[in-house]
Amino acid sequence: MFSRVARSPASIARSFCTSSQNNAKVAVLDASRGIGQPLSLLLKKSPLVVDSPLYDIVHTLGVAADLSHIETRAQVTGYVGPEQLPEALKGSEVVLIPAVVPRKPGMTRDDLFDINASIVATLADACARNCPDAMLCIITNPVNFTVLIVPGILKKHGVYNPKRLFGMTTLDIVRANTFVAELTGLDPSHVNVPVVGGHAGKTIIPLLSHCTPKAEFTEDTLAALTHSIQEAGTEVVKAKAGAGSATLSMAYAGAMFALSLLDAMNGKEGFKECAFVRSEEGKCTYFSTPLLLGTNGVKRKQGLGKLSAFEEKLVAEALNELKASIRKGEDFVRETAAQGEAQ
């Protein structure tokens, strides 16, 4: 049975507010924007972080100055522009990449690919050069594509380690927990719903049969709840009416994953999260599944477990779309490499 460790109010409080033996350096790239600012705030609040370099192409110095006035031990330093990116990354143990052009109404995650793919490629290359052993957490949408860009770049530099590369799908879990709690009257901080597959539309597969505490749903409710979880991001885009996509909830989810990862890196046992990682699940080379985290990143992939008939159908329906996303990401890497050789 899948269970996320950092879920109860007490454990969340410990993640953000208690002392720890870890002295991690955690970099945030694209730190002055919608996701980056609240993400940087949550990291500043955590004792698991001792040094937090913040990078963006504009406004980072102001964000860093603002955060530096908060009375926690994490040291925050702002870096601006490509020439300062290497210095921002040197010595970083975890790098969070929320760099993103946000979705607007009517846009799919796929529509963002060409723009955001180039951003991720540039940042991944800088990570390979300046912090080759860091854990890389890709938040940039579309995650189903952008994560696929990174391995080829890391391989080019001889530093690829699939255990240290994560596509962030934690927001889907946060949403699933919240929606189930609203429907059942449970305390949302004690609800755990693993979400597998990918991070777009029907590739988002909540395993509601694995929910803890156990919750029973009618077929109609199950279908409606699954659809709500899959389309939650689009709901936010529509509600913001052109002003962006999910930022605060994504920052929260990104911070929760990062803090679980830091605790695991620090030798604490039992930290489990879902993430889009190198996999053989469903004959997909990348797939989000429950993971046991350890000192070197992914310690063990826990697989899907026993699925209901409804969930088996969801997985089958998602595979073609996931495989197409993976091919698109890999094609981008090949085309970019060919262009580089031609120049």
C-alpha atoms as a PDB file:
ATOM      1  CA  MET A   1       0.000   0.000   0.000  1.00  0.00           C
ATOM      2  CA  PHE A   2       1.333   3.393  -0.965  1.00  0.00           C
ATOM      3  CA  SER A   3       1.599   5.995   1.789  1.00  0.00           C
ATOM      4  CA  ARG A   4       3.207   9.380   1.701  1.00  0.00           C
ATOM      5  CA  VAL A   5       5.108  10.160   4.881  1.00  0.00           C
ATOM      6  CA  ALA A   6       4.940  13.955   5.002  1.00  0.00           C
ATOM      7  CA  ARG A   7       1.153  14.293   5.187  1.00  0.00           C
ATOM      8  CA  SER A   8      -0.075  14.740   8.729  1.00  0.00           C
ATOM      9  CA  PRO A   9      -0.199  18.268  10.214  1.00  0.00           C
ATOM     10  CA  ALA A  10       2.549  17.324  12.657  1.00  0.00           C
ATOM     11  CA  SER A  11       4.866  15.963   9.977  1.00  0.00           C
ATOM     12  CA  ILE A  12       4.262  18.971   7.722  1.00  0.00           C
ATOM     13  CA  ALA A  13       5.155  21.232  10.618  1.00  0.00           C
ATOM     14  CA  ARG A  14       8.334  19.248  11.206  1.00  0.00           C
ATOM     15  CA  SER A  15       9.250  19.549   7.532  1.00  0.00           C
ATOM     16  CA  PHE A  16       9.050  23.322   7.623  1.00  0.00           C
ATOM     17  CA  CYS A  17       9.769  24.331  11.184  1.00  0.00           C
ATOM     18  CA  THR A  18      12.064  22.005  13.172  1.00  0.00           C
ATOM     19  CA  SER A  19      15.806  21.549  13.384  1.00  0.00           C
ATOM     20  CA  SER A  20      17.624  19.026  11.207  1.00  0.00           C
ATOM     21  CA  GLN A  21      21.143  17.727  10.752  1.00  0.00           C
ATOM     22  CA  ASN A  22      20.996  18.360   7.004  1.00  0.00           C
ATOM     23  CA  ASN A  23      22.727  21.413   5.568  1.00  0.00           C
ATOM     24  CA  ALA A  24      21.502  21.271   1.995  1.00  0.00           C
ATOM     25  CA  LYS A  25      22.043  23.786  -0.762  1.00  0.00           C
ATOM     26  CA  VAL A  26      18.856  23.976  -2.829  1.00  0.00           C
ATOM     27  CA  ALA A  27      18.752  26.126  -5.954  1.00  0.00           C
ATOM     28  CA  VAL A  28      15.569  27.517  -7.488  1.00  0.00           C
ATOM     29  CA  LEU A  29      15.763  28.441 -11.164  1.00  0.00           C
ATOM     30  CA  ASP A  30      13.149  30.963 -12.342  1.00  0.00           C
ATOM     31  CA  ALA A  31      12.843  32.155  -8.766  1.00  0.00           C
ATOM     32  CA  SER A  32      11.294  35.580  -9.329  1.00  0.00           C
ATOM     33  CA  ARG A  33       8.065  34.415 -10.958  1.00  0.00           C
ATOM     34  CA  GLY A  34       4.725  32.870 -10.131  1.00  0.00           C
ATOM     35  CA  ILE A  35       5.896  29.492  -8.858  1.00  0.00           C
ATOM     36  CA  GLY A  36       9.444  30.454  -7.966  1.00  0.00           C
ATOM     37  CA  GLN A  37       8.637  33.118  -5.375  1.00  0.00           C
ATOM     38  CA  PRO A  38       6.328  31.077  -3.112  1.00  0.00           C
ATOM     39  CA  LEU A  39       8.523  28.009  -3.626  1.00  0.00           C
ATOM     40  CA  SER A  40      11.551  29.995  -2.479  1.00  0.00           C
ATOM     41  CA  LEU A  41       9.591  31.213   0.543  1.00  0.00           C
ATOM     42  CA  LEU A  42       8.687  27.686   1.604  1.00  0.00           C
ATOM     43  CA  LEU A  43      12.296  26.566   1.245  1.00  0.00           C
ATOM     44  CA  LYS A  44      13.506  29.576   3.268  1.00  0.00           C
ATOM     45  CA  LYS A  45      11.164  28.480   6.047  1.00  0.00           C
ATOM     46  CA  SER A  46      12.578  24.953   6.222  1.00  0.00           C
ATOM     47  CA  PRO A  47      15.530  24.047   8.481  1.00  0.00           C
ATOM     48  CA  LEU A  48      16.450  21.371   5.954  1.00  0.00           C
ATOM     49  CA  VAL A  49      17.834  24.142   3.739  1.00  0.00           C
ATOM     50  CA  VAL A  50      20.926  26.084   4.747  1.00  0.00           C
ATOM     51  CA  ASP A  51      21.711  27.801   1.435  1.00  0.00           C
ATOM     52  CA  SER A  52      19.229  28.749  -1.287  1.00  0.00           C
ATOM     53  CA  PRO A  53      20.620  30.379  -4.425  1.00  0.00           C
ATOM     54  CA  LEU A  54      17.845  31.958  -6.492  1.00  0.00           C
ATOM     55  CA  TYR A  55      18.274  32.445 -10.221  1.00  0.00           C
ATOM     56  CA  ASP A  56      16.246  34.216 -12.886  1.00  0.00           C
ATOM     57  CA  ILE A  57      16.858  36.507 -15.825  1.00  0.00           C
ATOM     58  CA  VAL A  58      15.171  39.445 -14.012  1.00  0.00           C
ATOM     59  CA  HIS A  59      14.234  40.684 -10.536  1.00  0.00           C
ATOM     60  CA  THR A  60      15.986  37.975  -8.521  1.00  0.00           C
ATOM     61  CA  LEU A  61      17.948  40.407  -6.376  1.00  0.00           C
ATOM     62  CA  GLY A  62      14.738  41.938  -5.069  1.00  0.00           C
ATOM     63  CA  VAL A  63      13.223  38.552  -4.270  1.00  0.00           C
ATOM     64  CA  ALA A  64      16.396  37.495  -2.461  1.00  0.00           C
ATOM     65  CA  ALA A  65      16.555  40.739  -0.470  1.00  0.00           C
ATOM     66  CA  ASP A  66      12.922  40.331   0.558  1.00  0.00           C
ATOM     67  CA  LEU A  67      13.361  36.716   1.658  1.00  0.00           C
ATOM     68  CA  SER A  68      16.624  37.468   3.464  1.00  0.00           C
ATOM     69  CA  HIS A  69      14.674  39.444   6.086  1.00  0.00           C
ATOM     70  CA  ILE A  70      12.912  36.285   7.298  1.00  0.00           C
ATOM     71  CA  GLU A  71      14.432  34.999  10.542  1.00  0.00           C
ATOM     72  CA  THR A  72      15.419  31.496   9.504  1.00  0.00           C
ATOM     73  CA  ARG A  73      18.892  30.122   9.036  1.00  0.00           C
ATOM     74  CA  ALA A  74      18.753  29.547   5.269  1.00  0.00           C
ATOM     75  CA  GLN A  75      20.976  31.997   3.416  1.00  0.00           C
ATOM     76  CA  VAL A  76      19.339  33.386   0.280  1.00  0.00           C
ATOM     77  CA  THR A  77      21.374  34.857  -2.579  1.00  0.00           C
ATOM     78  CA  GLY A  78      20.034  36.258  -5.830  1.00  0.00           C
ATOM     79  CA  TYR A  79      21.657  35.685  -9.232  1.00  0.00           C
ATOM     80  CA  VAL A  80      20.562  37.454 -12.396  1.00  0.00           C
ATOM     81  CA  GLY A  81      21.218  36.595 -16.026  1.00  0.00           C
ATOM     82  CA  PRO A  82      23.020  33.766 -17.856  1.00  0.00           C
ATOM     83  CA  GLU A  83      26.471  34.956 -16.834  1.00  0.00           C
ATOM     84  CA  GLN A  84      25.611  34.388 -13.147  1.00  0.00           C
ATOM     85  CA  LEU A  85      23.899  31.019 -13.613  1.00  0.00           C
ATOM     86  CA  PRO A  86      27.080  28.912 -13.113  1.00  0.00           C
ATOM     87  CA  GLU A  87      27.780  30.568  -9.771  1.00  0.00           C
ATOM     88  CA  ALA A  88      24.186  30.013  -8.670  1.00  0.00           C
ATOM     89  CA  LEU A  89      24.455  26.290  -9.348  1.00  0.00           C
ATOM     90  CA  LYS A  90      27.905  25.475  -7.970  1.00  0.00           C
ATOM     91  CA  GLY A  91      27.624  23.116  -5.002  1.00  0.00           C
ATOM     92  CA  SER A  92      23.853  22.726  -5.238  1.00  0.00           C
ATOM     93  CA  GLU A  93      22.598  19.357  -4.031  1.00  0.00           C
ATOM     94  CA  VAL A  94      19.026  19.808  -5.246  1.00  0.00           C
ATOM     95  CA  VAL A  95      17.900  21.987  -8.161  1.00  0.00           C
ATOM     96  CA  LEU A  96      14.245  22.871  -8.628  1.00  0.00           C
ATOM     97  CA  ILE A  97      13.297  24.060 -12.109  1.00  0.00           C
ATOM     98  CA  PRO A  98       9.889  25.745 -12.242  1.00  0.00           C
ATOM     99  CA  ALA A  99      10.982  27.878 -15.211  1.00  0.00           C
ATOM    100  CA  VAL A 100       7.850  28.222 -17.269  1.00  0.00           C
ATOM    101  CA  VAL A 101       5.773  30.303 -19.622  1.00  0.00           C
ATOM    102  CA  PRO A 102       2.328  29.773 -18.030  1.00  0.00           C
ATOM    103  CA  ARG A 103      -0.704  28.418 -19.808  1.00  0.00           C
ATOM    104  CA  LYS A 104      -3.448  30.754 -20.905  1.00  0.00           C
ATOM    105  CA  PRO A 105      -7.107  29.933 -21.509  1.00  0.00           C
ATOM    106  CA  GLY A 106      -7.487  27.661 -24.522  1.00  0.00           C
ATOM    107  CA  MET A 107      -3.879  26.447 -24.355  1.00  0.00           C
ATOM    108  CA  THR A 108      -2.948  22.854 -23.658  1.00  0.00           C
ATOM    109  CA  ARG A 109       0.270  21.865 -21.931  1.00  0.00           C
ATOM    110  CA  ASP A 110       1.475  20.679 -25.341  1.00  0.00           C
ATOM    111  CA  ASP A 111       1.182  24.234 -26.700  1.00  0.00           C
ATOM    112  CA  LEU A 112       3.917  25.294 -24.288  1.00  0.00           C
ATOM    113  CA  PHE A 113       6.394  22.701 -25.455  1.00  0.00           C
ATOM    114  CA  ASP A 114       8.571  24.596 -27.929  1.00  0.00           C
ATOM    115  CA  ILE A 115       9.076  27.579 -25.615  1.00  0.00           C
ATOM    116  CA  ASN A 116       9.580  25.738 -22.354  1.00  0.00           C
ATOM    117  CA  ALA A 117      11.637  22.932 -23.899  1.00  0.00           C
ATOM    118  CA  SER A 118      14.360  25.389 -24.885  1.00  0.00           C
ATOM    119  CA  ILE A 119      14.371  26.905 -21.392  1.00  0.00           C
ATOM    120  CA  VAL A 120      14.731  23.493 -19.735  1.00  0.00           C
ATOM    121  CA  ALA A 121      17.474  22.440 -22.175  1.00  0.00           C
ATOM    122  CA  THR A 122      19.538  25.528 -21.346  1.00  0.00           C
ATOM    123  CA  LEU A 123      19.144  25.086 -17.594  1.00  0.00           C
ATOM    124  CA  ALA A 124      19.842  21.342 -17.712  1.00  0.00           C
ATOM    125  CA  ASP A 125      23.069  21.987 -19.622  1.00  0.00           C
ATOM    126  CA  ALA A 126      24.131  24.474 -16.943  1.00  0.00           C
ATOM    127  CA  CYS A 127      23.352  21.923 -14.216  1.00  0.00           C
ATOM    128  CA  ALA A 128      25.420  19.269 -15.991  1.00  0.00           C
ATOM    129  CA  ARG A 129      28.376  21.643 -16.103  1.00  0.00           C
ATOM    130  CA  ASN A 130      28.160  23.124 -12.609  1.00  0.00           C
ATOM    131  CA  CYS A 131      26.397  20.661 -10.272  1.00  0.00           C
ATOM    132  CA  PRO A 132      26.592  17.287 -12.044  1.00  0.00           C
ATOM    133  CA  ASP A 133      25.634  15.244  -8.966  1.00  0.00           C
ATOM    134  CA  ALA A 134      22.587  17.302  -7.994  1.00  0.00           C
ATOM    135  CA  MET A 135      19.040  15.957  -7.773  1.00  0.00           C
ATOM    136  CA  LEU A 136      17.128  17.639 -10.609  1.00  0.00           C
ATOM    137  CA  CYS A 137      13.417  18.261 -10.079  1.00  0.00           C
ATOM    138  CA  ILE A 138      11.629  19.399 -13.240  1.00  0.00           C
ATOM    139  CA  ILE A 139       8.424  21.359 -12.610  1.00  0.00           C
ATOM    140  CA  THR A 140       8.280  23.054 -16.015  1.00  0.00           C
ATOM    141  CA  ASN A 141       5.224  22.090 -18.054  1.00  0.00           C
ATOM    142  CA  PRO A 142       4.567  20.021 -20.026  1.00  0.00           C
ATOM    143  CA  VAL A 143       6.338  17.654 -17.615  1.00  0.00           C
ATOM    144  CA  ASN A 144       5.548  14.642 -19.819  1.00  0.00           C
ATOM    145  CA  PHE A 145       7.822  16.230 -22.451  1.00  0.00           C
ATOM    146  CA  THR A 146      10.304  18.405 -20.595  1.00  0.00           C
ATOM    147  CA  VAL A 147      11.742  15.636 -18.413  1.00  0.00           C
ATOM    148  CA  LEU A 148      12.649  13.725 -21.582  1.00  0.00           C
ATOM    149  CA  ILE A 149      14.879  16.586 -22.704  1.00  0.00           C
ATOM    150  CA  VAL A 150      17.185  16.295 -19.724  1.00  0.00           C
ATOM    151  CA  PRO A 151      18.736  12.772 -20.008  1.00  0.00           C
ATOM    152  CA  GLY A 152      20.256  13.422 -23.431  1.00  0.00           C
ATOM    153  CA  ILE A 153      21.874  16.622 -22.215  1.00  0.00           C
ATOM    154  CA  LEU A 154      23.243  14.950 -19.080  1.00  0.00           C
ATOM    155  CA  LYS A 155      24.505  11.978 -21.127  1.00  0.00           C
ATOM    156  CA  LYS A 156      26.387  14.354 -23.411  1.00  0.00           C
ATOM    157  CA  HIS A 157      28.333  15.497 -20.355  1.00  0.00           C
ATOM    158  CA  GLY A 158      28.659  11.970 -18.944  1.00  0.00           C
ATOM    159  CA  VAL A 159      26.699  12.728 -15.777  1.00  0.00           C
ATOM    160  CA  TYR A 160      23.285  11.122 -16.332  1.00  0.00           C
ATOM    161  CA  ASN A 161      21.902   9.241 -13.326  1.00  0.00           C
ATOM    162  CA  PRO A 162      18.209   8.288 -13.699  1.00  0.00           C
ATOM    163  CA  LYS A 163      17.869   7.958  -9.918  1.00  0.00           C
ATOM    164  CA  ARG A 164      18.494  11.695  -9.586  1.00  0.00           C
ATOM    165  CA  LEU A 165      16.040  13.048 -12.170  1.00  0.00           C
ATOM    166  CA  PHE A 166      12.400  13.666 -11.265  1.00  0.00           C
ATOM    167  CA  GLY A 167       9.421  15.099 -13.117  1.00  0.00           C
ATOM    168  CA  MET A 168       7.155  16.754 -10.564  1.00  0.00           C
ATOM    169  CA  THR A 169       3.662  15.237 -10.396  1.00  0.00           C
ATOM    170  CA  THR A 170       3.097  15.929  -6.694  1.00  0.00           C
ATOM    171  CA  LEU A 171       0.467  18.575  -7.430  1.00  0.00           C
ATOM    172  CA  ASP A 172      -1.821  15.862  -8.824  1.00  0.00           C
ATOM    173  CA  ILE A 173      -1.544  14.030  -5.500  1.00  0.00           C
ATOM    174  CA  VAL A 174      -2.215  17.191  -3.506  1.00  0.00           C
ATOM    175  CA  ARG A 175      -5.324  17.818  -5.604  1.00  0.00           C
ATOM    176  CA  ALA A 176      -6.515  14.221  -5.342  1.00  0.00           C
ATOM    177  CA  ASN A 177      -6.130  14.293  -1.555  1.00  0.00           C
ATOM    178  CA  THR A 178      -8.050  17.555  -1.351  1.00  0.00           C
ATOM    179  CA  PHE A 179     -10.899  16.500  -3.639  1.00  0.00           C
ATOM    180  CA  VAL A 180     -11.364  13.149  -1.893  1.00  0.00           C
ATOM    181  CA  ALA A 181     -11.424  14.878   1.492  1.00  0.00           C
ATOM    182  CA  GLU A 182     -14.036  17.369   0.301  1.00  0.00           C
ATOM    183  CA  LEU A 183     -16.201  14.543  -1.008  1.00  0.00           C
ATOM    184  CA  THR A 184     -15.922  12.268   2.023  1.00  0.00           C
ATOM    185  CA  GLY A 185     -15.595  14.726   4.895  1.00  0.00           C
ATOM    186  CA  LEU A 186     -12.178  13.335   5.851  1.00  0.00           C
ATOM    187  CA  ASP A 187      -9.344  15.492   7.142  1.00  0.00           C
ATOM    188  CA  PRO A 188      -7.374  16.324   3.938  1.00  0.00           C
ATOM    189  CA  SER A 189      -4.066  16.230   5.779  1.00  0.00           C
ATOM    190  CA  HIS A 190      -4.603  12.533   6.495  1.00  0.00           C
ATOM    191  CA  VAL A 191      -5.762  11.490   3.018  1.00  0.00           C
ATOM    192  CA  ASN A 192      -3.280   9.753   0.712  1.00  0.00           C
ATOM    193  CA  VAL A 193      -4.075   9.056  -2.948  1.00  0.00           C
ATOM    194  CA  PRO A 194      -1.231   7.885  -5.187  1.00  0.00           C
ATOM    195  CA  VAL A 195      -1.422   9.355  -8.692  1.00  0.00           C
ATOM    196  CA  VAL A 196       0.470   7.577 -11.456  1.00  0.00           C
ATOM    197  CA  GLY A 197       1.081   7.889 -15.196  1.00  0.00           C
ATOM    198  CA  GLY A 198       1.983  11.414 -16.259  1.00  0.00           C
ATOM    199  CA  HIS A 199       1.075  15.035 -15.639  1.00  0.00           C
ATOM    200  CA  ALA A 200      -1.442  15.998 -18.323  1.00  0.00           C
ATOM    201  CA  GLY A 201      -5.097  15.216 -18.916  1.00  0.00           C
ATOM    202  CA  LYS A 202      -5.918  11.531 -19.135  1.00  0.00           C
ATOM    203  CA  THR A 203      -2.317  10.531 -18.361  1.00  0.00           C
ATOM    204  CA  ILE A 204      -3.057  11.647 -14.767  1.00  0.00           C
ATOM    205  CA  ILE A 205      -4.308   8.440 -13.137  1.00  0.00           C
ATOM    206  CA  PRO A 206      -5.449   8.668  -9.501  1.00  0.00           C
ATOM    207  CA  LEU A 207      -5.432   5.241  -7.868  1.00  0.00           C
ATOM    208  CA  LEU A 208      -8.508   5.828  -5.752  1.00  0.00           C
ATOM    209  CA  SER A 209      -8.704   2.139  -4.839  1.00  0.00           C
ATOM    210  CA  HIS A 210      -5.407   2.690  -2.963  1.00  0.00           C
ATOM    211  CA  CYS A 211      -6.711   5.716  -1.047  1.00  0.00           C
ATOM    212  CA  THR A 212      -6.010   5.787   2.671  1.00  0.00           C
ATOM    213  CA  PRO A 213      -8.161   5.971   4.685  1.00  0.00           C
ATOM    214  CA  LYS A 214     -10.200   3.595   2.548  1.00  0.00           C
ATOM    215  CA  ALA A 215     -12.964   5.369   0.628  1.00  0.00           C
ATOM    216  CA  GLU A 216     -15.740   3.816  -1.441  1.00  0.00           C
ATOM    217  CA  PHE A 217     -17.282   5.546  -4.466  1.00  0.00           C
ATOM    218  CA  THR A 218     -20.067   4.714  -6.877  1.00  0.00           C
ATOM    219  CA  GLU A 219     -19.082   4.255 -10.513  1.00  0.00           C
ATOM    220  CA  ASP A 220     -20.500   7.667 -11.450  1.00  0.00           C
ATOM    221  CA  THR A 221     -18.754   9.403  -8.565  1.00  0.00           C
ATOM    222  CA  LEU A 222     -15.502   7.615  -9.351  1.00  0.00           C
ATOM    223  CA  ALA A 223     -15.605   8.785 -12.979  1.00  0.00           C
ATOM    224  CA  ALA A 224     -16.504  12.368 -12.016  1.00  0.00           C
ATOM    225  CA  LEU A 225     -13.832  12.537  -9.311  1.00  0.00           C
ATOM    226  CA  THR A 226     -11.162  11.191 -11.655  1.00  0.00           C
ATOM    227  CA  HIS A 227     -12.125  13.742 -14.312  1.00  0.00           C
ATOM    228  CA  SER A 228     -11.958  16.576 -11.742  1.00  0.00           C
ATOM    229  CA  ILE A 229      -8.437  15.550 -10.719  1.00  0.00           C
ATOM    230  CA  GLN A 230      -7.312  15.255 -14.348  1.00  0.00           C
ATOM    231  CA  GLU A 231      -8.720  18.671 -15.328  1.00  0.00           C
ATOM    232  CA  ALA A 232      -7.890  20.595 -12.134  1.00  0.00           C
ATOM    233  CA  GLY A 233      -5.071  22.517 -13.799  1.00  0.00           C
ATOM    234  CA  THR A 234      -7.341  23.669 -16.604  1.00  0.00           C
ATOM    235  CA  GLU A 235      -9.869  24.799 -13.997  1.00  0.00           C
ATOM    236  CA  VAL A 236      -7.231  27.094 -12.479  1.00  0.00           C
ATOM    237  CA  VAL A 237      -6.214  28.469 -15.884  1.00  0.00           C
ATOM    238  CA  LYS A 238      -9.833  29.327 -16.681  1.00  0.00           C
ATOM    239  CA  ALA A 239     -10.439  30.863 -13.262  1.00  0.00           C
ATOM    240  CA  LYS A 240      -7.373  33.094 -13.603  1.00  0.00           C
ATOM    241  CA  ALA A 241      -8.747  34.292 -16.951  1.00  0.00           C
ATOM    242  CA  GLY A 242      -5.443  34.889 -18.688  1.00  0.00           C
ATOM    243  CA  ALA A 243      -3.458  35.787 -15.580  1.00  0.00           C
ATOM    244  CA  GLY A 244      -1.570  32.492 -15.455  1.00  0.00           C
ATOM    245  CA  SER A 245      -1.855  28.905 -14.273  1.00  0.00           C
ATOM    246  CA  ALA A 246      -1.422  27.129 -10.935  1.00  0.00           C
ATOM    247  CA  THR A 247       1.381  28.770  -8.979  1.00  0.00           C
ATOM    248  CA  LEU A 248       0.697  28.672  -5.237  1.00  0.00           C
ATOM    249  CA  SER A 249      -0.482  25.049  -5.162  1.00  0.00           C
ATOM    250  CA  MET A 250       2.395  24.052  -7.457  1.00  0.00           C
ATOM    251  CA  ALA A 251       4.896  25.788  -5.189  1.00  0.00           C
ATOM    252  CA  TYR A 252       3.439  23.977  -2.184  1.00  0.00           C
ATOM    253  CA  ALA A 253       3.597  20.621  -3.967  1.00  0.00           C
ATOM    254  CA  GLY A 254       7.142  21.255  -5.202  1.00  0.00           C
ATOM    255  CA  ALA A 255       8.289  22.181  -1.715  1.00  0.00           C
ATOM    256  CA  MET A 256       6.703  19.094  -0.193  1.00  0.00           C
ATOM    257  CA  PHE A 257       8.497  16.821  -2.666  1.00  0.00           C
ATOM    258  CA  ALA A 258      11.796  18.642  -2.161  1.00  0.00           C
ATOM    259  CA  LEU A 259      11.565  18.354   1.621  1.00  0.00           C
ATOM    260  CA  SER A 260      10.752  14.636   1.429  1.00  0.00           C
ATOM    261  CA  LEU A 261      13.752  14.218  -0.858  1.00  0.00           C
ATOM    262  CA  LEU A 262      16.008  16.172   1.497  1.00  0.00           C
ATOM    263  CA  ASP A 263      14.933  14.064   4.469  1.00  0.00           C
ATOM    264  CA  ALA A 264      15.642  10.901   2.485  1.00  0.00           C
ATOM    265  CA  MET A 265      19.026  12.261   1.391  1.00  0.00           C
ATOM    266  CA  ASN A 266      19.693  12.884   5.055  1.00  0.00           C
ATOM    267  CA  GLY A 267      19.279   9.179   5.816  1.00  0.00           C
ATOM    268  CA  LYS A 268      15.754   9.196   7.172  1.00  0.00           C
ATOM    269  CA  GLU A 269      13.768   6.121   6.204  1.00  0.00           C
ATOM    270  CA  GLY A 270      10.374   5.668   4.620  1.00  0.00           C
ATOM    271  CA  PHE A 271       9.887   8.793   2.511  1.00  0.00           C
ATOM    272  CA  LYS A 272       7.612   7.933  -0.399  1.00  0.00           C
ATOM    273  CA  GLU A 273       6.495  10.149  -3.254  1.00  0.00           C
ATOM    274  CA  CYS A 274       5.243   9.757  -6.800  1.00  0.00           C
ATOM    275  CA  ALA A 275       7.271  11.269  -9.638  1.00  0.00           C
ATOM    276  CA  PHE A 276       7.698  10.926 -13.396  1.00  0.00           C
ATOM    277  CA  VAL A 277      10.926   8.938 -13.686  1.00  0.00           C
ATOM    278  CA  ARG A 278      12.776   6.430 -15.842  1.00  0.00           C
ATOM    279  CA  SER A 279      10.615   3.315 -15.841  1.00  0.00           C
ATOM    280  CA  GLU A 280       9.570   0.137 -17.616  1.00  0.00           C
ATOM    281  CA  GLU A 281       5.953   0.436 -16.462  1.00  0.00           C
ATOM    282  CA  GLY A 282       3.496  -0.275 -19.269  1.00  0.00           C
ATOM    283  CA  LYS A 283       6.401  -0.389 -21.721  1.00  0.00           C
ATOM    284  CA  CYS A 284       6.865   3.361 -21.247  1.00  0.00           C
ATOM    285  CA  THR A 285      10.423   4.556 -20.722  1.00  0.00           C
ATOM    286  CA  TYR A 286       9.095   7.183 -18.294  1.00  0.00           C
ATOM    287  CA  PHE A 287       6.130   6.784 -15.971  1.00  0.00           C
ATOM    288  CA  SER A 288       5.058   8.247 -12.644  1.00  0.00           C
ATOM    289  CA  THR A 289       4.844   5.616  -9.930  1.00  0.00           C
ATOM    290  CA  PRO A 290       5.224   5.516  -6.143  1.00  0.00           C
ATOM    291  CA  LEU A 291       8.896   5.734  -5.214  1.00  0.00           C
ATOM    292  CA  LEU A 292      10.813   5.031  -2.054  1.00  0.00           C
ATOM    293  CA  LEU A 293      13.391   7.801  -1.755  1.00  0.00           C
ATOM    294  CA  GLY A 294      16.885   7.306  -0.388  1.00  0.00           C
ATOM    295  CA  THR A 295      20.228   9.017   0.023  1.00  0.00           C
ATOM    296  CA  ASN A 296      20.969   8.751  -3.702  1.00  0.00           C
ATOM    297  CA  GLY A 297      17.507   9.641  -5.005  1.00  0.00           C
ATOM    298  CA  VAL A 298      15.242   6.804  -6.140  1.00  0.00           C
ATOM    299  CA  LYS A 299      15.898   3.878  -3.822  1.00  0.00           C
ATOM    300  CA  ARG A 300      13.112   1.632  -5.094  1.00  0.00           C
ATOM    301  CA  LYS A 301      10.207   1.879  -7.530  1.00  0.00           C
ATOM    302  CA  GLN A 302       7.136   0.374  -5.924  1.00  0.00           C
ATOM    303  CA  GLY A 303       5.130  -0.238  -9.065  1.00  0.00           C
ATOM    304  CA  LEU A 304       1.398   0.109  -9.481  1.00  0.00           C
ATOM    305  CA  GLY A 305       0.231  -2.681  -7.218  1.00  0.00           C
ATOM    306  CA  LYS A 306      -3.176  -4.282  -7.714  1.00  0.00           C
ATOM    307  CA  LEU A 307      -5.469  -2.089  -9.798  1.00  0.00           C
ATOM    308  CA  SER A 308      -9.230  -1.994 -10.045  1.00  0.00           C
ATOM    309  CA  ALA A 309     -10.820  -2.676 -13.431  1.00  0.00           C
ATOM    310  CA  PHE A 310     -11.540   1.054 -13.729  1.00  0.00           C
ATOM    311  CA  GLU A 311      -7.874   1.912 -13.076  1.00  0.00           C
ATOM    312  CA  GLU A 312      -6.610  -0.726 -15.498  1.00  0.00           C
ATOM    313  CA  LYS A 313      -8.726   0.930 -18.184  1.00  0.00           C
ATOM    314  CA  LEU A 314      -7.314   4.368 -17.302  1.00  0.00           C
ATOM    315  CA  VAL A 315      -3.754   3.063 -17.586  1.00  0.00           C
ATOM    316  CA  ALA A 316      -4.457   1.419 -20.950  1.00  0.00           C
ATOM    317  CA  GLU A 317      -6.023   4.626 -22.296  1.00  0.00           C
ATOM    318  CA  ALA A 318      -3.079   6.737 -21.113  1.00  0.00           C
ATOM    319  CA  LEU A 319      -0.255   4.664 -22.599  1.00  0.00           C
ATOM    320  CA  ASN A 320      -0.470   5.841 -26.213  1.00  0.00           C
ATOM    321  CA  GLU A 321      -0.530   9.489 -25.177  1.00  0.00           C
ATOM    322  CA  LEU A 322       2.379   8.991 -22.803  1.00  0.00           C
ATOM    323  CA  LYS A 323       4.431   7.190 -25.438  1.00  0.00           C
ATOM    324  CA  ALA A 324       3.740  10.010 -27.919  1.00  0.00           C
ATOM    325  CA  SER A 325       4.887  12.570 -25.335  1.00  0.00           C
ATOM    326  CA  ILE A 326       8.066  10.611 -24.722  1.00  0.00           C
ATOM    327  CA  ARG A 327       8.810  10.424 -28.450  1.00  0.00           C
ATOM    328  CA  LYS A 328       8.249  14.164 -28.793  1.00  0.00           C
ATOM    329  CA  GLY A 329      10.715  14.928 -26.024  1.00  0.00           C
ATOM    330  CA  GLU A 330      13.316  12.550 -27.432  1.00  0.00           C
ATOM    331  CA  ASP A 331      12.818  13.977 -30.954  1.00  0.00           C
ATOM    332  CA  PHE A 332      13.456  17.475 -29.607  1.00  0.00           C
ATOM    333  CA  VAL A 333      16.782  16.338 -28.151  1.00  0.00           C
ATOM    334  CA  ARG A 334      17.840  14.672 -31.415  1.00  0.00           C
ATOM    335  CA  GLU A 335      16.838  17.678 -33.529  1.00  0.00           C
ATOM    336  CA  THR A 336      18.612  20.088 -31.201  1.00  0.00           C
ATOM    337  CA  ALA A 337      21.765  17.950 -31.256  1.00  0.00           C
ATOM    338  CA  ALA A 338      21.668  17.781 -35.071  1.00  0.00           C
ATOM    339  CA  GLN A 339      21.290  21.538 -35.316  1.00  0.00           C
ATOM    340  CA  GLY A 340      24.236  22.003 -32.978  1.00  0.00           C
ATOM    341  CA  GLU A 341      26.439  19.722 -35.085  1.00  0.00           C
ATOM    342  CA  ALA A 342      25.413  21.543 -38.277  1.00  0.00           C
ATOM    343  CA  GLN A 343      26.475  24.921 -36.931  1.00  0.00           C
END
